[in-house]
Amino acid sequence: MTERSPRIYRSLGELDGSGARRAVTIGNFDGVHAGHRRILRRVAALAHERGWRAAAMIFDPHPSKVVAPDRAPRLLATPDERCVLFAEEGIEEALILPFGPEIAALSPEEFARDILVAKLGAAAVIVGADFHFGHRQSGDTRRLAELGRVYGFLTGVVPEVVLRGHVISSSQIRRLVEAGAVALAARLLERPYWLDGGVVPGHKIGSTKTVPTLNLKTGAEVLPAAGVYITRTRDLESGRVWPSITNVGNRPTFGGESLSIETYLLDPLGGNGPARIRVEFLRRVRDEIRFPDSESLRAQILHDTARAQRFFRLADRLLYSRRLTD
């Protein structure tokens, strides 16, 4: 499966020298949640209106890993995953700027003059309300507006998105995912939280004692709490999608100690098994439980499967009803 992606630059030197003007946003955009998406849509709309390019700039590694590594957050999405999500909102170009001491030392004015204007050709810079930039984050949205007037670029600030009285943030979503509250996390992300990775050999327990599964090996930094989830599994090469249930945990019934992520497909696999998959977490079903024997576990998995099938039937009916009313 080929996912749509903006044109990606991985250094300032890769930027083309065409003199193109850009509407730009800057930030970490970890997870690309509903608040981030509002900013990205504003950038894309402005660029389309003015005939500019729509661009986003992120940093790799996360600046905290350079200036305060003991406080660096676990990330919800890799830089490349974020770029794919940018494209969903109309972003045409993404700069993944390597963050190191030289960038960290730039004053707000140097950052605006030397990077935003001289390198990116920023005609407009749109940011979130909590935006800070420059050495020790000394610049804020007010300073950005001042520099815009000096260097000739428009500025805009997009308000934070509030849900149930709480500002949507990457740290909030991180806590929800790690607590297993994946359905609420999906609302804040405007998509399911997912894990990508390769399919690896398991312990042969599923194929001999319970039900066959796909075993995911992922490099993700944020994992859902141990338990059983209703999921959707996607073959990252062919694009084929299956309804599924997924267990995140240590296989306590079989004395497991290492973490495993095992997915049971509700529809037939058909053909060769996938090499790389994405598991999208839709709803938590239950905690991981130690059962007295494999037969008891198998019975519970079949019960979980029936519950997941009801979930997908209801989801299909709701989708059909919405299409009728559109």
Protein backbone atom coordinates (compact mmCIF):
# COMPACT_ATOMS: atom_id res chain seq x y z
CA MET A 1 0.00 0.00 0.00
CA THR A 2 1.38 3.39 -0.96
CA GLU A 3 0.29 6.14 1.41
CA ARG A 4 0.08 9.69 0.18
CA SER A 5 2.84 11.85 1.58
CA PRO A 6 4.05 15.41 1.11
CA ARG A 7 7.42 16.06 -0.45
CA ILE A 8 9.85 15.55 2.41
CA TYR A 9 13.07 17.50 2.98
CA ARG A 10 15.45 16.20 5.64
CA SER A 11 17.81 19.17 5.81
CA LEU A 12 17.83 22.85 4.97
CA GLY A 13 20.23 22.10 2.13
CA GLU A 14 17.64 19.94 0.37
CA LEU A 15 15.16 22.79 -0.02
CA ASP A 16 14.79 23.84 -3.63
CA GLY A 17 16.10 27.24 -4.61
CA SER A 18 13.14 28.21 -6.78
CA GLY A 19 12.18 31.14 -4.57
CA ALA A 20 8.77 29.61 -3.92
CA ARG A 21 6.65 31.29 -1.26
CA ARG A 22 5.16 29.15 1.46
CA ALA A 23 2.54 29.18 4.17
CA VAL A 24 4.37 27.41 7.00
CA THR A 25 3.58 25.91 10.36
CA ILE A 26 6.16 24.79 12.90
CA GLY A 27 5.99 22.38 15.80
CA ASN A 28 6.44 18.81 16.92
CA PHE A 29 2.89 17.71 16.02
CA ASP A 30 3.33 14.44 17.88
CA GLY A 31 0.41 12.18 17.01
CA VAL A 32 -1.11 14.86 14.75
CA HIS A 33 -4.20 15.25 16.94
CA ALA A 34 -7.34 17.34 16.41
CA GLY A 35 -5.64 20.55 17.55
CA HIS A 36 -2.73 20.01 15.18
CA ARG A 37 -5.10 19.21 12.33
CA ARG A 38 -6.89 22.54 12.79
CA ILE A 39 -3.55 24.33 12.31
CA LEU A 40 -2.64 22.25 9.26
CA ARG A 41 -6.02 22.91 7.62
CA ARG A 42 -5.57 26.64 8.16
CA VAL A 43 -2.14 26.51 6.50
CA ALA A 44 -3.43 24.50 3.55
CA ALA A 45 -6.42 26.80 3.03
CA LEU A 46 -4.28 29.95 3.14
CA ALA A 47 -1.72 28.49 0.75
CA HIS A 48 -4.44 27.43 -1.69
CA GLU A 49 -6.05 30.87 -1.52
CA ARG A 50 -2.79 32.75 -2.17
CA GLY A 51 -1.12 30.36 -4.59
CA TRP A 52 1.65 29.46 -2.13
CA ARG A 53 2.96 26.07 -1.08
CA ALA A 54 1.58 24.53 2.11
CA ALA A 55 4.45 23.41 4.35
CA ALA A 56 5.08 22.07 7.84
CA MET A 57 8.35 21.94 9.73
CA ILE A 58 9.06 19.46 12.51
CA PHE A 59 12.21 18.54 14.43
CA ASP A 60 14.07 15.27 14.74
CA PRO A 61 15.04 14.35 17.35
CA HIS A 62 12.42 15.96 19.57
CA PRO A 63 14.08 19.10 21.00
CA SER A 64 13.62 17.82 24.55
CA LYS A 65 15.91 14.90 23.75
CA VAL A 66 18.68 17.43 23.11
CA VAL A 67 18.08 20.13 25.71
CA ALA A 68 16.40 18.10 28.50
CA PRO A 69 16.71 14.36 27.76
CA ASP A 70 15.43 13.36 31.20
CA ARG A 71 12.10 15.07 30.37
CA ALA A 72 11.81 13.94 26.74
CA PRO A 73 8.38 12.41 26.02
CA ARG A 74 7.75 9.02 24.48
CA LEU A 75 6.51 9.75 20.98
CA LEU A 76 3.12 8.77 19.56
CA ALA A 77 4.30 8.86 15.93
CA THR A 78 7.56 8.86 14.01
CA PRO A 79 8.46 11.89 11.87
CA ASP A 80 7.59 9.98 8.69
CA GLU A 81 4.22 8.88 10.11
CA ARG A 82 3.48 12.51 10.94
CA CYS A 83 4.28 13.53 7.38
CA VAL A 84 1.76 11.01 6.01
CA LEU A 85 -0.87 12.46 8.36
CA PHE A 86 0.05 16.00 7.22
CA ALA A 87 -0.90 15.04 3.68
CA GLU A 88 -4.43 14.18 4.85
CA GLU A 89 -4.88 17.87 5.70
CA GLY A 90 -3.45 19.27 2.46
CA ILE A 91 0.19 19.84 3.41
CA GLU A 92 2.37 19.62 0.28
CA GLU A 93 5.87 19.85 1.78
CA ALA A 94 7.40 18.79 5.08
CA LEU A 95 10.81 19.71 6.45
CA ILE A 96 12.16 17.29 9.06
CA LEU A 97 14.82 19.57 10.51
CA PRO A 98 17.68 17.85 12.36
CA PHE A 99 17.69 19.39 15.83
CA GLY A 100 21.05 19.87 17.48
CA PRO A 101 23.03 22.47 19.47
CA GLU A 102 23.32 24.86 16.52
CA ILE A 103 19.56 25.08 16.01
CA ALA A 104 18.95 25.17 19.77
CA ALA A 105 21.28 28.20 20.09
CA LEU A 106 19.45 30.36 17.52
CA SER A 107 17.67 33.39 18.92
CA PRO A 108 14.04 33.93 17.88
CA GLU A 109 15.14 36.59 15.39
CA GLU A 110 17.86 34.38 13.90
CA PHE A 111 15.41 31.54 13.55
CA ALA A 112 12.86 33.74 11.80
CA ARG A 113 15.36 35.52 9.55
CA ASP A 114 17.74 32.69 8.64
CA ILE A 115 15.39 29.70 8.51
CA LEU A 116 11.80 30.83 8.05
CA VAL A 117 12.51 33.62 5.58
CA ALA A 118 15.89 32.87 3.98
CA LYS A 119 15.49 29.08 3.68
CA LEU A 120 11.75 28.39 3.67
CA GLY A 121 10.56 31.52 1.93
CA ALA A 122 7.80 31.96 4.48
CA ALA A 123 5.06 34.30 3.33
CA ALA A 124 2.92 33.31 6.31
CA VAL A 125 3.58 31.42 9.55
CA ILE A 126 0.61 29.82 11.32
CA VAL A 127 1.11 28.29 14.77
CA GLY A 128 -0.77 27.11 17.85
CA ALA A 129 -1.47 29.27 20.87
CA ASP A 130 1.28 27.63 22.97
CA PHE A 131 3.99 28.04 20.32
CA HIS A 132 7.51 28.90 21.53
CA PHE A 133 10.71 29.06 19.52
CA GLY A 134 14.33 30.13 19.65
CA HIS A 135 16.98 29.72 22.32
CA ARG A 136 15.45 28.35 25.53
CA GLN A 137 12.02 28.84 23.92
CA SER A 138 12.34 32.57 24.52
CA GLY A 139 10.11 33.50 21.57
CA ASP A 140 6.32 33.28 21.71
CA THR A 141 3.43 34.15 19.41
CA ARG A 142 3.73 37.86 20.21
CA ARG A 143 7.42 37.85 19.28
CA LEU A 144 6.61 35.91 16.12
CA ALA A 145 4.13 38.60 15.08
CA GLU A 146 6.74 41.32 15.71
CA LEU A 147 9.27 39.47 13.55
CA GLY A 148 6.65 38.98 10.86
CA ARG A 149 6.21 42.72 10.61
CA VAL A 150 10.00 43.20 10.40
CA TYR A 151 10.67 40.47 7.83
CA GLY A 152 7.47 40.66 5.83
CA PHE A 153 5.52 37.51 6.60
CA LEU A 154 1.96 37.16 7.84
CA THR A 155 1.33 35.44 11.15
CA GLY A 156 -1.66 33.64 12.59
CA VAL A 157 -2.45 31.87 15.85
CA VAL A 158 -4.94 28.99 15.93
CA PRO A 159 -6.72 28.53 19.29
CA GLU A 160 -6.39 25.30 21.22
CA VAL A 161 -9.08 22.67 20.76
CA VAL A 162 -11.00 21.85 23.94
CA LEU A 163 -12.96 18.66 24.56
CA ARG A 164 -14.93 18.06 27.76
CA GLY A 165 -13.24 21.05 29.33
CA HIS A 166 -9.71 19.83 28.60
CA VAL A 167 -7.27 21.16 26.03
CA ILE A 168 -6.31 18.39 23.60
CA SER A 169 -2.60 17.64 23.88
CA SER A 170 -0.14 14.94 22.91
CA SER A 171 0.65 14.28 26.58
CA GLN A 172 -3.06 13.74 27.32
CA ILE A 173 -3.36 11.27 24.43
CA ARG A 174 -0.21 9.48 25.58
CA ARG A 175 -1.77 8.95 29.02
CA LEU A 176 -5.03 7.70 27.50
CA VAL A 177 -3.32 5.15 25.25
CA GLU A 178 -1.13 3.85 28.06
CA ALA A 179 -4.25 3.51 30.23
CA GLY A 180 -6.01 1.53 27.50
CA ALA A 181 -8.58 4.27 26.75
CA VAL A 182 -8.05 3.91 23.01
CA ALA A 183 -11.59 4.89 21.97
CA LEU A 184 -11.26 8.31 23.62
CA ALA A 185 -7.72 8.68 22.29
CA ALA A 186 -9.10 8.08 18.79
CA ARG A 187 -11.57 10.92 19.24
CA LEU A 188 -8.76 13.30 20.15
CA LEU A 189 -6.56 12.08 17.30
CA GLU A 190 -9.43 12.01 14.78
CA ARG A 191 -8.15 8.54 13.86
CA PRO A 192 -7.43 5.29 15.69
CA TYR A 193 -4.13 5.00 17.50
CA TRP A 194 -2.06 2.44 15.63
CA LEU A 195 1.09 0.37 15.84
CA ASP A 196 3.14 -0.44 12.73
CA GLY A 197 5.73 -3.16 12.37
CA GLY A 198 6.79 -6.47 10.98
CA VAL A 199 5.07 -9.80 11.45
CA VAL A 200 7.39 -12.16 13.33
CA PRO A 201 7.19 -15.82 14.31
CA GLY A 202 5.33 -16.40 17.56
CA HIS A 203 5.58 -19.16 20.13
CA LYS A 204 3.36 -21.55 18.09
CA ILE A 205 0.86 -21.55 20.96
CA GLY A 206 -1.95 -19.94 18.96
CA SER A 207 -1.71 -22.35 16.05
CA THR A 208 -1.64 -25.44 18.26
CA LYS A 209 -3.63 -24.64 21.40
CA THR A 210 -5.91 -21.61 20.91
CA VAL A 211 -6.35 -19.69 17.62
CA PRO A 212 -3.74 -18.64 15.02
CA THR A 213 -2.47 -15.08 15.32
CA LEU A 214 -0.21 -12.53 13.65
CA ASN A 215 2.57 -11.45 15.97
CA LEU A 216 3.61 -7.81 15.65
CA LYS A 217 7.09 -6.48 16.36
CA THR A 218 6.98 -2.71 16.62
CA GLY A 219 9.39 0.05 17.47
CA ALA A 220 6.60 2.26 18.85
CA GLU A 221 7.43 4.17 22.03
CA VAL A 222 3.84 4.31 23.34
CA LEU A 223 1.94 1.04 23.76
CA PRO A 224 -1.65 0.47 24.89
CA ALA A 225 -2.09 -0.99 28.37
CA ALA A 226 -2.02 -4.77 28.61
CA GLY A 227 -5.37 -6.22 27.61
CA VAL A 228 -7.59 -7.30 24.74
CA TYR A 229 -8.78 -4.82 22.11
CA ILE A 230 -11.07 -4.70 19.11
CA THR A 231 -8.76 -3.70 16.28
CA ARG A 232 -8.47 -3.29 12.54
CA THR A 233 -5.41 -4.82 10.88
CA ARG A 234 -3.97 -3.51 7.62
CA ASP A 235 -1.38 -5.08 5.33
CA LEU A 236 1.02 -2.20 4.72
CA GLU A 237 2.07 -3.58 1.35
CA SER A 238 -1.20 -4.68 -0.28
CA GLY A 239 -3.57 -2.38 1.62
CA ARG A 240 -5.88 -5.26 2.54
CA VAL A 241 -7.78 -4.73 5.80
CA TRP A 242 -9.23 -7.24 8.27
CA PRO A 243 -11.42 -6.78 11.37
CA SER A 244 -9.49 -8.27 14.26
CA ILE A 245 -8.94 -8.63 17.98
CA THR A 246 -5.55 -8.01 19.56
CA ASN A 247 -3.97 -9.03 22.84
CA VAL A 248 -1.24 -6.84 24.29
CA GLY A 249 0.54 -8.52 27.17
CA ASN A 250 2.75 -11.29 28.48
CA ARG A 251 0.66 -14.43 27.80
CA PRO A 252 0.25 -15.25 31.53
CA THR A 253 -1.67 -18.48 30.83
CA PHE A 254 1.48 -19.89 29.27
CA GLY A 255 3.99 -18.34 31.67
CA GLY A 256 5.09 -15.66 29.26
CA GLU A 257 7.46 -12.95 30.50
CA SER A 258 8.18 -10.82 27.42
CA LEU A 259 5.64 -8.45 25.92
CA SER A 260 3.80 -9.68 22.84
CA ILE A 261 1.21 -8.11 20.54
CA GLU A 262 -0.88 -10.88 19.00
CA THR A 263 -3.69 -10.26 16.54
CA TYR A 264 -6.43 -12.70 15.50
CA LEU A 265 -8.08 -11.90 12.16
CA LEU A 266 -11.88 -12.25 12.08
CA ASP A 267 -11.93 -12.82 8.30
CA PRO A 268 -9.86 -15.45 6.44
CA LEU A 269 -6.28 -14.47 5.73
CA GLY A 270 -6.37 -15.64 2.12
CA GLY A 271 -3.09 -16.07 0.28
CA ASN A 272 0.27 -15.41 1.86
CA GLY A 273 0.46 -13.77 5.24
CA PRO A 274 1.48 -10.09 5.39
CA ALA A 275 5.08 -9.10 6.12
CA ARG A 276 4.28 -5.70 7.63
CA ILE A 277 1.03 -4.68 9.29
CA ARG A 278 -0.65 -1.77 11.01
CA VAL A 279 -2.88 -2.59 13.97
CA GLU A 280 -5.46 0.14 14.67
CA PHE A 281 -6.88 0.10 18.21
CA LEU A 282 -10.63 0.81 18.27
CA ARG A 283 -11.97 -0.29 21.67
CA ARG A 284 -10.74 -2.04 24.79
CA VAL A 285 -12.54 -5.29 25.61
CA ARG A 286 -11.01 -6.54 28.85
CA ASP A 287 -7.89 -6.96 30.95
CA GLU A 288 -5.42 -9.69 30.17
CA ILE A 289 -6.31 -12.67 32.40
CA ARG A 290 -4.51 -15.83 33.41
CA PHE A 291 -6.70 -18.84 32.56
CA PRO A 292 -6.39 -22.32 34.12
CA ASP A 293 -5.76 -24.00 30.75
CA SER A 294 -5.61 -23.40 27.00
CA GLU A 295 -9.20 -24.56 26.47
CA SER A 296 -10.52 -21.90 28.84
CA LEU A 297 -8.45 -19.29 27.05
CA ARG A 298 -9.68 -20.47 23.66
CA ALA A 299 -13.30 -20.22 24.84
CA GLN A 300 -12.67 -16.66 26.04
CA ILE A 301 -11.05 -15.71 22.73
CA LEU A 302 -14.10 -17.00 20.88
CA HIS A 303 -16.30 -14.94 23.22
CA ASP A 304 -14.12 -11.87 22.52
CA THR A 305 -14.39 -12.62 18.81
CA ALA A 306 -18.19 -12.64 18.96
CA ARG A 307 -18.14 -9.31 20.76
CA ALA A 308 -15.82 -7.84 18.13
CA GLN A 309 -18.04 -9.11 15.32
CA ARG A 310 -21.04 -7.38 16.90
CA PHE A 311 -18.98 -4.18 17.13
CA PHE A 312 -18.11 -4.27 13.43
CA ARG A 313 -21.68 -5.11 12.39
CA LEU A 314 -22.95 -2.10 14.30
CA ALA A 315 -20.20 0.10 12.84
CA ASP A 316 -21.13 -1.03 9.32
CA ARG A 317 -24.82 -0.26 9.94
CA LEU A 318 -23.99 3.21 11.25
CA LEU A 319 -21.78 3.90 8.24
CA TYR A 320 -24.52 2.72 5.88
CA SER A 321 -27.09 4.95 7.61
CA ARG A 322 -24.83 7.97 7.32
CA ARG A 323 -24.35 7.35 3.61
CA LEU A 324 -28.12 7.24 3.12
CA THR A 325 -28.52 10.63 4.80
CA ASP A 326 -25.58 12.34 3.07
